N, C-alpha and C. Protein backbone atom coordinates (compact mmCIF):
# COMPACT_ATOMS: atom_id res chain seq x y z
N MET A 1 -17.75 -1.43 21.87
CA MET A 1 -17.34 -1.17 21.08
C MET A 1 -18.52 -1.58 19.88
N LEU A 2 -19.77 -1.44 19.84
CA LEU A 2 -20.12 -2.01 18.08
C LEU A 2 -20.26 -3.79 18.53
N GLY A 3 -20.19 -3.89 19.61
CA GLY A 3 -20.32 -5.01 19.86
C GLY A 3 -18.91 -6.06 20.48
N LEU A 4 -18.13 -5.05 20.11
CA LEU A 4 -16.54 -5.94 20.07
C LEU A 4 -15.64 -5.54 21.53
N SER A 5 -15.41 -6.78 21.93
CA SER A 5 -15.07 -6.39 23.73
C SER A 5 -13.60 -5.81 23.25
N ALA A 6 -13.28 -5.19 24.53
CA ALA A 6 -11.75 -4.46 24.41
C ALA A 6 -10.98 -5.34 24.17
N ALA A 7 -10.76 -6.85 24.93
CA ALA A 7 -9.65 -8.01 24.14
C ALA A 7 -9.71 -7.86 22.81
N THR A 8 -10.56 -8.13 22.54
CA THR A 8 -10.87 -8.45 20.51
C THR A 8 -10.17 -6.84 20.11
N VAL A 9 -10.27 -6.21 20.53
CA VAL A 9 -9.91 -4.59 19.39
C VAL A 9 -8.41 -4.53 19.53
N ALA A 10 -8.06 -4.98 21.04
CA ALA A 10 -6.83 -5.03 21.39
C ALA A 10 -6.21 -6.22 20.61
N GLY A 11 -6.38 -6.90 20.41
CA GLY A 11 -5.75 -8.16 19.93
C GLY A 11 -5.69 -7.92 18.43
N TYR A 12 -6.71 -7.15 17.79
CA TYR A 12 -6.86 -7.09 16.39
C TYR A 12 -6.09 -6.00 15.95
N LEU A 13 -5.51 -5.10 17.03
CA LEU A 13 -4.85 -3.44 16.52
C LEU A 13 -3.66 -4.02 16.68
N ALA A 14 -2.89 -5.31 18.06
CA ALA A 14 -1.65 -5.76 17.94
C ALA A 14 -1.56 -7.06 16.41
N ALA A 15 -2.63 -7.65 16.21
CA ALA A 15 -1.99 -8.32 14.79
C ALA A 15 -2.32 -7.72 13.70
N ILE A 16 -2.86 -6.77 13.32
CA ILE A 16 -2.74 -5.69 11.97
C ILE A 16 -1.09 -4.76 12.09
N THR A 17 -0.57 -4.42 13.62
CA THR A 17 0.32 -3.55 13.93
C THR A 17 1.79 -4.32 13.41
N VAL A 18 1.42 -5.91 13.45
CA VAL A 18 2.65 -6.37 13.27
C VAL A 18 2.72 -6.41 11.31
N LEU A 19 1.44 -6.73 11.18
CA LEU A 19 1.11 -7.07 9.15
C LEU A 19 2.15 -5.89 8.87
N MET A 20 1.55 -4.65 9.83
CA MET A 20 1.87 -3.40 8.45
C MET A 20 3.14 -2.87 8.86
N VAL A 21 4.11 -3.87 9.55
CA VAL A 21 5.57 -3.16 9.36
C VAL A 21 6.06 -4.71 8.80
N THR A 22 5.23 -5.13 8.55
CA THR A 22 6.09 -6.43 7.49
C THR A 22 6.60 -6.33 5.75
N PRO A 23 7.45 -5.75 5.54
CA PRO A 23 7.70 -5.58 3.92
C PRO A 23 6.12 -5.93 2.83
N GLY A 24 6.06 -4.95 2.26
CA GLY A 24 5.21 -5.87 0.94
C GLY A 24 5.19 -4.68 -0.12
N PRO A 25 4.14 -4.94 -1.06
CA PRO A 25 4.36 -3.86 -2.06
C PRO A 25 4.08 -2.32 -1.69
N ASP A 26 2.77 -2.44 -1.11
CA ASP A 26 2.19 -1.15 -0.47
C ASP A 26 3.46 -0.46 0.46
N MET A 27 4.31 -1.00 1.28
CA MET A 27 5.30 -0.12 2.39
C MET A 27 6.55 0.04 0.97
N MET A 28 6.99 -1.01 0.22
CA MET A 28 7.84 -0.54 -1.22
C MET A 28 7.47 0.52 -1.33
N PHE A 29 6.44 0.66 -1.92
CA PHE A 29 5.99 1.86 -2.92
C PHE A 29 5.92 3.05 -2.22
N VAL A 30 5.68 3.15 -1.13
CA VAL A 30 6.03 4.46 -0.08
C VAL A 30 7.25 5.12 -0.36
N LEU A 31 8.01 3.77 0.37
CA LEU A 31 9.31 4.15 0.72
C LEU A 31 9.77 4.26 -0.19
N ALA A 32 9.78 4.09 -1.99
CA ALA A 32 10.14 4.46 -2.81
C ALA A 32 9.96 5.50 -3.20
N ASN A 33 8.61 6.25 -3.42
CA ASN A 33 8.56 7.42 -4.10
C ASN A 33 9.23 8.59 -2.73
N ALA A 34 8.90 8.49 -1.45
CA ALA A 34 9.76 8.91 -0.46
C ALA A 34 11.17 9.18 -1.01
N ALA A 35 12.19 7.89 -1.55
CA ALA A 35 13.32 7.91 -1.48
C ALA A 35 13.37 8.76 -2.41
N ARG A 36 12.83 8.89 -3.48
CA ARG A 36 12.98 9.30 -4.93
C ARG A 36 12.62 10.89 -5.14
N TYR A 37 11.34 10.99 -4.33
CA TYR A 37 11.05 12.79 -4.72
C TYR A 37 10.83 13.09 -3.29
N GLY A 38 11.07 12.73 -2.16
CA GLY A 38 10.90 13.30 -0.82
C GLY A 38 9.98 13.22 0.39
N THR A 39 9.75 13.35 1.52
CA THR A 39 9.13 13.47 2.09
C THR A 39 7.28 13.49 2.12
N ARG A 40 7.13 14.21 1.10
CA ARG A 40 5.83 15.44 0.66
C ARG A 40 5.68 13.85 -0.28
N ALA A 41 6.09 13.45 -1.13
CA ALA A 41 5.54 12.52 -2.11
C ALA A 41 5.45 10.92 -1.55
N GLY A 42 6.24 11.00 -0.22
CA GLY A 42 6.13 9.23 0.50
C GLY A 42 4.92 9.89 1.37
N VAL A 43 4.40 10.57 1.65
CA VAL A 43 3.06 10.71 2.64
C VAL A 43 1.71 10.59 1.60
N VAL A 44 2.13 11.59 0.47
CA VAL A 44 0.97 11.75 -0.28
C VAL A 44 0.83 10.27 -0.93
N ALA A 45 1.93 9.23 -1.15
CA ALA A 45 1.24 8.27 -1.56
C ALA A 45 0.92 7.24 -0.60
N ALA A 46 1.16 7.99 0.44
CA ALA A 46 0.88 6.70 2.19
C ALA A 46 -0.92 6.91 1.83
N LEU A 47 -1.27 7.96 1.36
CA LEU A 47 -2.43 8.25 1.74
C LEU A 47 -3.29 7.31 0.19
N GLY A 48 -2.54 7.78 -0.57
CA GLY A 48 -3.35 7.07 -1.83
C GLY A 48 -3.35 5.39 -1.21
N VAL A 49 -2.04 5.03 -0.62
CA VAL A 49 -2.78 3.28 -0.37
C VAL A 49 -3.43 3.15 0.32
N ALA A 50 -3.66 3.91 1.35
CA ALA A 50 -4.89 3.67 2.50
C ALA A 50 -6.12 3.71 1.87
N ALA A 51 -6.29 4.56 0.63
CA ALA A 51 -7.51 5.26 0.31
C ALA A 51 -7.74 3.99 -0.39
N GLY A 52 -6.70 2.99 -1.27
CA GLY A 52 -7.21 1.92 -2.17
C GLY A 52 -7.45 0.80 -0.69
N GLU A 53 -7.27 0.77 0.34
CA GLU A 53 -7.53 -0.12 0.77
C GLU A 53 -8.66 -0.05 1.38
N ALA A 54 -9.29 1.04 1.57
CA ALA A 54 -10.46 1.37 1.72
C ALA A 54 -11.60 1.13 1.30
N VAL A 55 -11.08 1.37 -0.13
CA VAL A 55 -11.85 0.67 -0.86
C VAL A 55 -12.10 -1.23 -0.83
N HIS A 56 -11.35 -1.45 -0.44
CA HIS A 56 -11.11 -3.11 -0.25
C HIS A 56 -12.07 -3.43 0.96
N VAL A 57 -11.93 -2.82 2.18
CA VAL A 57 -12.86 -2.57 2.83
C VAL A 57 -13.89 -2.33 3.08
N ALA A 58 -14.66 -1.96 1.86
CA ALA A 58 -16.15 -1.25 1.57
C ALA A 58 -16.24 -2.57 1.09
N ALA A 59 -15.41 -2.91 -0.27
CA ALA A 59 -16.08 -4.31 -0.61
C ALA A 59 -16.14 -5.67 0.05
N VAL A 60 -15.39 -5.57 1.22
CA VAL A 60 -15.61 -6.65 1.76
C VAL A 60 -17.00 -6.51 2.73
N VAL A 61 -17.19 -5.41 3.00
CA VAL A 61 -18.31 -5.28 3.64
C VAL A 61 -19.77 -5.05 2.82
N GLY A 62 -19.35 -5.18 1.89
CA GLY A 62 -20.45 -5.42 0.67
C GLY A 62 -20.85 -6.63 0.14
N GLY A 63 -19.79 -7.77 0.19
CA GLY A 63 -19.69 -8.63 -0.76
C GLY A 63 -19.11 -8.84 -1.74
N LEU A 64 -18.45 -7.71 -2.13
CA LEU A 64 -17.79 -7.73 -4.14
C LEU A 64 -16.19 -8.23 -3.66
N ALA A 65 -15.78 -8.51 -2.60
CA ALA A 65 -14.38 -9.05 -2.57
C ALA A 65 -14.28 -10.32 -2.82
N ALA A 66 -15.36 -11.08 -1.66
CA ALA A 66 -15.79 -12.08 -1.71
C ALA A 66 -16.18 -13.14 -3.21
N LEU A 67 -17.29 -11.90 -4.01
CA LEU A 67 -17.08 -12.52 -5.21
C LEU A 67 -15.68 -12.43 -6.36
N ILE A 68 -15.22 -11.54 -6.11
CA ILE A 68 -13.65 -11.21 -6.50
C ILE A 68 -13.13 -12.96 -6.27
N SER A 69 -12.94 -12.78 -4.94
CA SER A 69 -12.02 -13.99 -4.43
C SER A 69 -12.00 -15.25 -5.01
N ALA A 70 -13.55 -15.76 -5.00
CA ALA A 70 -14.37 -16.99 -5.65
C ALA A 70 -13.94 -16.83 -7.08
N SER A 71 -13.62 -15.76 -8.27
CA SER A 71 -13.17 -16.15 -9.71
C SER A 71 -12.53 -16.12 -9.88
N PRO A 72 -11.53 -17.75 -10.05
CA PRO A 72 -10.22 -17.41 -10.67
C PRO A 72 -9.67 -16.67 -11.89
N VAL A 73 -10.48 -16.32 -12.61
CA VAL A 73 -9.91 -15.62 -14.22
C VAL A 73 -10.29 -13.85 -13.46
N LEU A 74 -10.95 -13.71 -13.00
CA LEU A 74 -10.82 -12.33 -12.36
C LEU A 74 -9.53 -12.35 -11.78
N PHE A 75 -9.77 -13.16 -10.66
CA PHE A 75 -8.62 -13.31 -10.03
C PHE A 75 -6.99 -12.68 -10.53
N THR A 76 -6.89 -13.47 -11.62
CA THR A 76 -5.82 -14.03 -12.44
C THR A 76 -5.78 -12.82 -13.29
N ALA A 77 -6.80 -12.26 -13.68
CA ALA A 77 -6.65 -10.73 -14.42
C ALA A 77 -5.68 -9.46 -13.68
N ILE A 78 -6.85 -9.68 -12.55
CA ILE A 78 -6.09 -8.24 -11.45
C ILE A 78 -4.95 -8.83 -11.19
N ARG A 79 -4.16 -9.76 -10.67
CA ARG A 79 -2.89 -9.81 -10.48
C ARG A 79 -1.88 -9.72 -11.39
N TRP A 80 -2.44 -10.37 -12.85
CA TRP A 80 -0.99 -9.66 -13.67
C TRP A 80 -1.24 -8.37 -14.09
N ALA A 81 -2.45 -7.67 -13.95
CA ALA A 81 -2.59 -5.96 -14.04
C ALA A 81 -1.90 -5.72 -13.39
N GLY A 82 -2.09 -6.12 -11.65
CA GLY A 82 -0.81 -5.18 -10.70
C GLY A 82 0.55 -5.43 -10.84
N ALA A 83 0.72 -6.65 -11.13
CA ALA A 83 2.20 -7.17 -11.64
C ALA A 83 3.03 -6.01 -13.28
N ALA A 84 1.55 -5.73 -13.96
CA ALA A 84 2.47 -5.19 -15.12
C ALA A 84 2.43 -3.62 -14.19
N TYR A 85 1.80 -2.90 -13.90
CA TYR A 85 1.41 -1.73 -13.41
C TYR A 85 2.85 -1.40 -12.93
N LEU A 86 3.40 -2.27 -11.65
CA LEU A 86 4.85 -2.45 -10.78
C LEU A 86 5.65 -2.60 -11.44
N VAL A 87 5.83 -3.38 -13.01
CA VAL A 87 7.06 -3.89 -13.89
C VAL A 87 7.18 -2.53 -14.61
N VAL A 88 6.23 -1.96 -14.92
CA VAL A 88 6.13 -0.45 -15.77
C VAL A 88 6.62 0.54 -15.15
N LEU A 89 6.21 0.85 -13.56
CA LEU A 89 7.02 1.77 -12.61
C LEU A 89 7.91 1.69 -12.51
N GLY A 90 8.44 0.15 -12.17
CA GLY A 90 10.08 0.17 -12.22
C GLY A 90 10.75 0.46 -13.85
N VAL A 91 10.46 0.15 -14.77
CA VAL A 91 11.14 0.07 -16.09
C VAL A 91 10.90 1.96 -16.66
N ARG A 92 10.13 2.35 -15.98
CA ARG A 92 10.03 4.05 -15.87
C ARG A 92 11.40 4.95 -15.22
N ALA A 93 11.63 3.83 -14.08
CA ALA A 93 12.35 4.60 -13.06
C ALA A 93 13.68 4.23 -13.08
N LEU A 94 13.92 3.11 -14.47
CA LEU A 94 15.05 2.51 -14.44
C LEU A 94 15.57 3.92 -15.74
N ARG A 95 14.68 4.21 -16.66
CA ARG A 95 15.10 5.06 -17.97
C ARG A 95 15.59 6.63 -17.15
N THR A 96 15.18 6.77 -15.93
CA THR A 96 15.47 8.16 -15.42
C THR A 96 16.65 7.68 -14.35
N ALA A 97 16.76 6.42 -14.03
CA ALA A 97 17.80 6.31 -12.92
C ALA A 97 19.22 7.20 -12.67
N GLY A 98 19.48 7.42 -13.89
CA GLY A 98 21.04 8.38 -14.16
C GLY A 98 20.57 9.46 -13.80
N ARG A 99 19.82 10.37 -13.74
CA ARG A 99 19.21 11.95 -13.59
C ARG A 99 19.18 12.29 -12.18
N PRO A 100 19.77 13.04 -11.80
CA PRO A 100 19.52 13.97 -10.80
C PRO A 100 18.08 13.96 -9.99
N THR A 101 17.98 13.26 -8.71
CA THR A 101 16.74 13.35 -7.70
C THR A 101 16.78 14.72 -7.36
N THR A 102 15.55 15.33 -7.45
CA THR A 102 15.48 16.91 -6.40
C THR A 102 13.93 16.89 -5.98
N THR A 103 13.83 17.43 -5.00
CA THR A 103 12.42 17.77 -3.82
C THR A 103 11.74 18.84 -4.64
N ALA A 104 12.77 19.82 -5.48
CA ALA A 104 12.46 21.07 -6.16
C ALA A 104 11.15 21.21 -6.82
N PRO A 105 10.26 22.06 -6.62
CA PRO A 105 9.02 22.51 -7.36
C PRO A 105 8.99 22.03 -8.40
N GLU A 106 9.64 21.66 -9.43
CA GLU A 106 9.39 21.52 -10.64
C GLU A 106 9.02 19.75 -10.83
N GLN A 107 9.48 19.14 -9.65
CA GLN A 107 8.94 17.56 -9.49
C GLN A 107 7.37 17.43 -8.20
N GLY A 108 6.76 18.86 -8.58
CA GLY A 108 5.74 18.89 -7.69
C GLY A 108 4.15 17.78 -9.00
N GLY A 109 4.79 17.46 -10.33
CA GLY A 109 3.64 16.67 -11.15
C GLY A 109 3.80 14.97 -10.64
N THR A 110 4.99 14.70 -9.72
CA THR A 110 4.91 13.85 -9.73
C THR A 110 4.56 13.67 -8.30
N THR A 111 4.75 14.34 -7.54
CA THR A 111 4.14 14.27 -5.81
C THR A 111 2.67 14.62 -6.39
N ARG A 112 2.06 15.18 -7.50
CA ARG A 112 0.66 14.94 -7.48
C ARG A 112 0.32 13.38 -7.65
N HIS A 113 0.95 13.00 -8.43
CA HIS A 113 0.81 11.86 -9.20
C HIS A 113 0.77 10.04 -7.96
N ALA A 114 1.31 11.00 -6.87
CA ALA A 114 1.82 9.87 -5.89
C ALA A 114 0.15 9.40 -5.63
N PHE A 115 -0.27 9.83 -5.27
CA PHE A 115 -1.39 9.39 -4.61
C PHE A 115 -2.37 8.60 -5.77
N LEU A 116 -2.26 9.08 -6.95
CA LEU A 116 -3.34 8.11 -8.05
C LEU A 116 -2.33 6.83 -7.84
N ARG A 117 -0.63 6.85 -7.92
CA ARG A 117 -0.39 5.66 -8.30
C ARG A 117 -0.30 4.73 -6.85
N GLY A 118 -0.12 5.51 -5.61
CA GLY A 118 -0.59 4.52 -4.37
C GLY A 118 -1.94 3.69 -4.64
N LEU A 119 -3.17 4.45 -5.22
CA LEU A 119 -4.09 3.87 -4.70
C LEU A 119 -4.69 3.03 -5.89
N VAL A 120 -3.69 3.32 -7.45
CA VAL A 120 -3.40 2.18 -8.40
C VAL A 120 -3.13 1.03 -7.92
N THR A 121 -1.80 1.07 -7.39
CA THR A 121 -0.87 0.10 -6.69
C THR A 121 -1.45 -0.61 -5.88
N ASN A 122 -2.27 -0.37 -5.06
CA ASN A 122 -3.19 -1.20 -4.00
C ASN A 122 -4.22 -1.79 -4.23
N LEU A 123 -4.88 -0.88 -5.25
CA LEU A 123 -6.30 -1.61 -5.71
C LEU A 123 -6.22 -2.96 -6.60
N LEU A 124 -4.86 -2.63 -7.43
CA LEU A 124 -4.35 -4.12 -8.17
C LEU A 124 -3.72 -4.91 -7.44
N ASN A 125 -3.53 -4.71 -5.79
CA ASN A 125 -2.87 -6.07 -5.59
C ASN A 125 -3.84 -6.74 -5.13
N PRO A 126 -4.46 -8.55 -5.69
CA PRO A 126 -5.11 -9.24 -5.47
C PRO A 126 -4.90 -9.96 -4.34
N LYS A 127 -3.86 -9.35 -3.84
CA LYS A 127 -3.57 -10.35 -2.49
C LYS A 127 -4.29 -9.41 -1.06
N MET A 128 -4.49 -8.21 -1.92
CA MET A 128 -4.86 -7.30 -0.38
C MET A 128 -6.54 -7.89 -0.78
N ILE A 129 -6.75 -7.91 -1.11
CA ILE A 129 -8.51 -8.56 -1.21
C ILE A 129 -8.56 -9.84 -0.52
N LEU A 130 -7.94 -10.75 -0.96
CA LEU A 130 -8.25 -11.85 -0.31
C LEU A 130 -7.82 -11.85 1.15
N PHE A 131 -6.62 -11.03 1.70
CA PHE A 131 -6.50 -10.79 3.39
C PHE A 131 -7.39 -9.80 3.75
N SER A 132 -7.98 -8.98 2.82
CA SER A 132 -9.59 -8.66 3.69
C SER A 132 -10.59 -9.41 3.79
N VAL A 133 -10.83 -10.50 2.90
CA VAL A 133 -12.21 -11.01 2.88
C VAL A 133 -11.74 -12.49 4.01
N ALA A 134 -10.39 -12.89 4.48
CA ALA A 134 -9.93 -13.92 5.11
C ALA A 134 -9.66 -13.59 6.85
N PHE A 135 -8.64 -12.05 6.49
CA PHE A 135 -8.61 -11.62 8.03
C PHE A 135 -9.76 -11.27 8.93
N LEU A 136 -10.78 -10.05 8.07
CA LEU A 136 -11.78 -9.07 8.95
C LEU A 136 -12.61 -9.79 9.46
N PRO A 137 -12.80 -11.16 8.89
CA PRO A 137 -14.19 -11.41 9.67
C PRO A 137 -13.79 -12.52 10.28
N GLN A 138 -12.54 -12.50 10.98
CA GLN A 138 -12.05 -13.54 11.79
C GLN A 138 -12.29 -12.54 13.47
N PHE A 139 -12.34 -11.47 13.32
CA PHE A 139 -12.85 -11.18 14.80
C PHE A 139 -14.26 -10.69 14.51
N VAL A 140 -15.19 -10.71 14.01
CA VAL A 140 -16.12 -11.03 14.34
C VAL A 140 -17.03 -11.87 14.74
N ASP A 141 -18.02 -11.48 15.59
CA ASP A 141 -18.47 -12.08 16.44
C ASP A 141 -19.92 -11.65 16.24
N PRO A 142 -20.55 -13.13 15.69
CA PRO A 142 -22.39 -13.08 15.08
C PRO A 142 -23.14 -12.74 16.29
N ALA A 143 -22.97 -12.96 17.49
CA ALA A 143 -23.94 -13.17 18.62
C ALA A 143 -23.67 -11.67 19.21
N ALA A 144 -22.89 -10.56 18.85
CA ALA A 144 -22.39 -10.15 19.14
C ALA A 144 -23.13 -8.48 18.73
N GLY A 145 -23.49 -8.55 17.98
CA GLY A 145 -24.87 -7.31 17.34
C GLY A 145 -24.34 -7.68 15.63
N ASN A 146 -24.79 -6.23 15.09
CA ASN A 146 -24.61 -6.38 14.00
C ASN A 146 -23.05 -6.64 12.95
N ALA A 147 -23.15 -7.84 12.11
CA ALA A 147 -21.92 -8.00 11.86
C ALA A 147 -20.97 -6.92 10.76
N THR A 148 -21.81 -6.43 10.36
CA THR A 148 -21.42 -5.32 9.08
C THR A 148 -21.22 -4.19 10.26
N ALA A 149 -21.29 -3.76 10.86
CA ALA A 149 -21.31 -2.54 11.33
C ALA A 149 -19.73 -2.80 11.94
N GLN A 150 -19.39 -4.49 12.71
CA GLN A 150 -18.12 -4.58 13.36
C GLN A 150 -17.18 -4.71 12.18
N LEU A 151 -17.63 -5.40 11.42
CA LEU A 151 -16.73 -5.29 10.00
C LEU A 151 -16.24 -3.81 9.60
N THR A 152 -16.95 -2.79 9.26
CA THR A 152 -16.72 -1.49 9.08
C THR A 152 -15.76 -0.92 9.93
N LEU A 153 -15.88 -1.30 11.56
CA LEU A 153 -15.19 -0.91 12.40
C LEU A 153 -13.43 -1.21 12.38
N LEU A 154 -13.74 -2.74 11.98
CA LEU A 154 -12.81 -3.46 12.06
C LEU A 154 -11.72 -3.10 10.96
N GLY A 155 -12.56 -3.03 9.63
CA GLY A 155 -11.69 -2.44 8.65
C GLY A 155 -11.25 -0.67 8.33
N ALA A 156 -12.12 0.34 9.26
CA ALA A 156 -11.70 1.26 9.80
C ALA A 156 -10.16 1.30 10.64
N LEU A 157 -10.14 0.50 11.21
CA LEU A 157 -9.16 0.57 11.82
C LEU A 157 -7.85 0.25 11.54
N PHE A 158 -8.28 -1.20 10.29
CA PHE A 158 -6.95 -1.48 9.59
C PHE A 158 -6.47 -0.17 9.17
N VAL A 159 -7.35 0.46 8.51
CA VAL A 159 -7.19 1.49 7.36
C VAL A 159 -6.28 2.75 8.20
N VAL A 160 -6.04 2.73 9.40
CA VAL A 160 -5.91 4.03 10.40
C VAL A 160 -4.42 3.31 10.72
N VAL A 161 -4.43 2.35 10.87
CA VAL A 161 -3.28 1.99 11.09
C VAL A 161 -2.07 1.73 10.34
N GLN A 162 -2.50 1.59 8.94
CA GLN A 162 -1.93 0.89 7.93
C GLN A 162 -1.84 2.72 7.38
N LEU A 163 -2.59 3.87 7.53
CA LEU A 163 -1.59 4.89 7.18
C LEU A 163 -1.00 5.56 8.10
N THR A 164 -1.22 5.04 9.33
CA THR A 164 0.05 5.59 10.51
C THR A 164 1.21 5.10 9.89
N VAL A 165 1.27 4.23 9.77
CA VAL A 165 2.75 2.98 9.52
C VAL A 165 2.97 3.60 8.36
N ASP A 166 2.66 3.58 7.18
CA ASP A 166 3.43 4.06 6.29
C ASP A 166 3.37 5.68 5.75
N ILE A 167 2.71 6.68 6.36
CA ILE A 167 3.23 7.82 6.70
C ILE A 167 4.17 8.05 7.52
N ALA A 168 4.62 7.55 8.60
CA ALA A 168 6.29 7.13 9.26
C ALA A 168 6.94 7.02 8.42
N LEU A 169 6.92 5.87 8.10
CA LEU A 169 8.24 5.28 7.38
C LEU A 169 8.41 6.05 5.98
N GLY A 170 7.66 6.78 5.15
CA GLY A 170 7.49 7.77 4.24
C GLY A 170 7.90 8.79 5.13
N ALA A 171 7.68 9.90 5.48
CA ALA A 171 8.34 10.75 6.50
C ALA A 171 9.89 10.37 6.58
N GLY A 172 9.91 9.50 7.18
CA GLY A 172 11.69 8.69 7.60
C GLY A 172 12.30 8.82 6.45
N ALA A 173 12.04 7.97 5.08
CA ALA A 173 12.59 7.92 3.62
C ALA A 173 12.76 9.16 3.36
N GLY A 174 12.32 10.13 3.41
CA GLY A 174 12.26 11.12 2.69
C GLY A 174 13.11 12.51 3.57
N ARG A 175 13.61 12.00 4.75
CA ARG A 175 13.75 13.01 5.63
C ARG A 175 15.51 12.81 5.29
N LEU A 176 15.75 10.89 5.09
CA LEU A 176 16.89 10.45 4.85
C LEU A 176 17.47 10.65 3.18
N ALA A 177 16.21 10.52 2.30
CA ALA A 177 17.09 11.18 0.94
C ALA A 177 17.41 12.40 0.82
N GLY A 178 16.77 12.91 1.55
CA GLY A 178 17.26 14.87 1.39
C GLY A 178 18.56 14.93 1.90
N ARG A 179 19.39 13.91 2.96
CA ARG A 179 20.77 14.06 3.30
C ARG A 179 21.46 13.51 2.18
N MET A 180 20.99 12.60 0.99
CA MET A 180 21.16 11.92 -0.16
C MET A 180 21.06 12.50 -1.53
N SER A 181 20.75 13.93 -1.60
CA SER A 181 20.25 13.75 -3.32
C SER A 181 20.88 14.10 -3.94
N GLU A 182 22.20 14.34 -3.70
CA GLU A 182 22.91 14.89 -4.88
C GLU A 182 24.41 13.68 -4.92
N GLY A 183 24.48 13.63 -6.57
CA GLY A 183 25.92 13.01 -6.63
C GLY A 183 25.48 11.82 -6.89
N ARG A 184 26.32 10.65 -6.55
CA ARG A 184 26.04 9.03 -6.68
C ARG A 184 24.75 8.56 -6.31
N TRP A 185 25.10 9.12 -4.91
CA TRP A 185 24.00 8.88 -4.13
C TRP A 185 22.66 8.76 -4.28
N SER A 186 22.41 9.79 -4.88
CA SER A 186 20.86 10.29 -5.61
C SER A 186 20.27 8.95 -6.92
N ARG A 187 21.72 9.22 -7.53
CA ARG A 187 21.61 7.66 -8.66
C ARG A 187 21.29 6.53 -7.91
N TRP A 188 22.22 6.34 -7.35
CA TRP A 188 21.95 4.93 -6.21
C TRP A 188 20.30 4.53 -6.30
N ILE A 189 20.24 5.61 -5.76
CA ILE A 189 18.66 5.54 -4.79
C ILE A 189 17.41 5.46 -5.99
N ASN A 190 17.88 5.83 -7.08
CA ASN A 190 16.89 5.87 -8.32
C ASN A 190 16.66 4.19 -8.47
N ARG A 191 18.29 3.89 -8.73
CA ARG A 191 18.68 2.54 -8.88
C ARG A 191 18.02 1.52 -8.22
N ILE A 192 18.06 1.56 -6.83
CA ILE A 192 17.54 0.43 -6.01
C ILE A 192 15.97 0.45 -6.35
N CYS A 193 15.37 2.13 -6.41
CA CYS A 193 14.38 2.01 -6.25
C CYS A 193 13.33 1.24 -7.42
N ALA A 194 13.86 1.32 -8.26
CA ALA A 194 13.41 0.94 -9.46
C ALA A 194 13.75 -0.29 -10.06
N VAL A 195 14.78 -1.20 -9.17
CA VAL A 195 14.61 -2.83 -9.01
C VAL A 195 13.82 -3.31 -8.12
N ALA A 196 13.18 -2.54 -7.46
CA ALA A 196 12.43 -2.94 -6.49
C ALA A 196 10.84 -2.82 -7.05
N PHE A 197 10.65 -1.91 -7.72
CA PHE A 197 9.67 -2.38 -8.47
C PHE A 197 8.99 -3.05 -9.28
N VAL A 198 10.20 -3.61 -10.28
CA VAL A 198 10.05 -4.59 -11.13
C VAL A 198 10.07 -5.66 -10.12
N ALA A 199 11.12 -5.92 -9.13
CA ALA A 199 10.83 -7.13 -8.67
C ALA A 199 9.73 -7.30 -7.58
N LEU A 200 9.00 -6.60 -7.75
CA LEU A 200 7.72 -6.67 -6.68
C LEU A 200 6.80 -6.92 -7.45
N GLY A 201 6.46 -6.41 -8.64
CA GLY A 201 6.17 -6.74 -10.52
C GLY A 201 6.19 -8.12 -10.46
N LEU A 202 7.20 -8.88 -10.36
CA LEU A 202 7.25 -10.20 -10.88
C LEU A 202 7.17 -10.87 -9.95
N ARG A 203 7.47 -10.60 -8.62
CA ARG A 203 6.70 -11.24 -7.34
C ARG A 203 5.67 -11.76 -7.05
N LEU A 204 4.51 -10.25 -7.40
CA LEU A 204 3.72 -10.57 -7.44
C LEU A 204 2.62 -11.30 -8.72
N ALA A 205 3.39 -11.87 -10.05
CA ALA A 205 2.72 -12.30 -11.14
C ALA A 205 3.04 -13.28 -11.16
N ALA A 206 4.38 -13.99 -10.23
CA ALA A 206 4.26 -15.30 -9.90
C ALA A 206 3.67 -16.13 -8.96
N GLY A 207 2.71 -15.34 -7.73
CA GLY A 207 1.86 -15.57 -6.41
C GLY A 207 2.65 -15.90 -5.94
């Protein structure tokens, strides 16, 4: 497969599957959207996150990610931008935490924006840039053929696995939220998700 052995691909898939089921900002963002706005919003958010990761992969292949990771000033700027974005999302969610959550059609605007928010959340996470630079090349065999093609394949598999895991989690969280969409349960879901956003932003800012 583009110079990669079956054993290498299998080991790579096992490694990224473990990584994808480990809680992180992207997963929490997908779960929060699904819990607050329903399954559709969770799935759309997962698509946005995957699109962001695809950009990171393209940056690795083109060498851009290596340039960004080598610049402390740029890295710090991206880290703080990502932290600020998550905190803003959390504050906004806290402001509406007391309001009933619904997945009715009038919430469609939020669902439509879930993709963009997922995309931005992933793009502004500098750890994903550094991870892509550090992780993907480990499975490339320079003696096995075109390294760029190998990186492209590995990156594509990474995005597919991430999307599969996040969609499954988003769909599950959305269905669960649908059973608790009324009264105090809805308000508590909103509050928990809002606090999660702020906590993730502060954690990202702390490095």
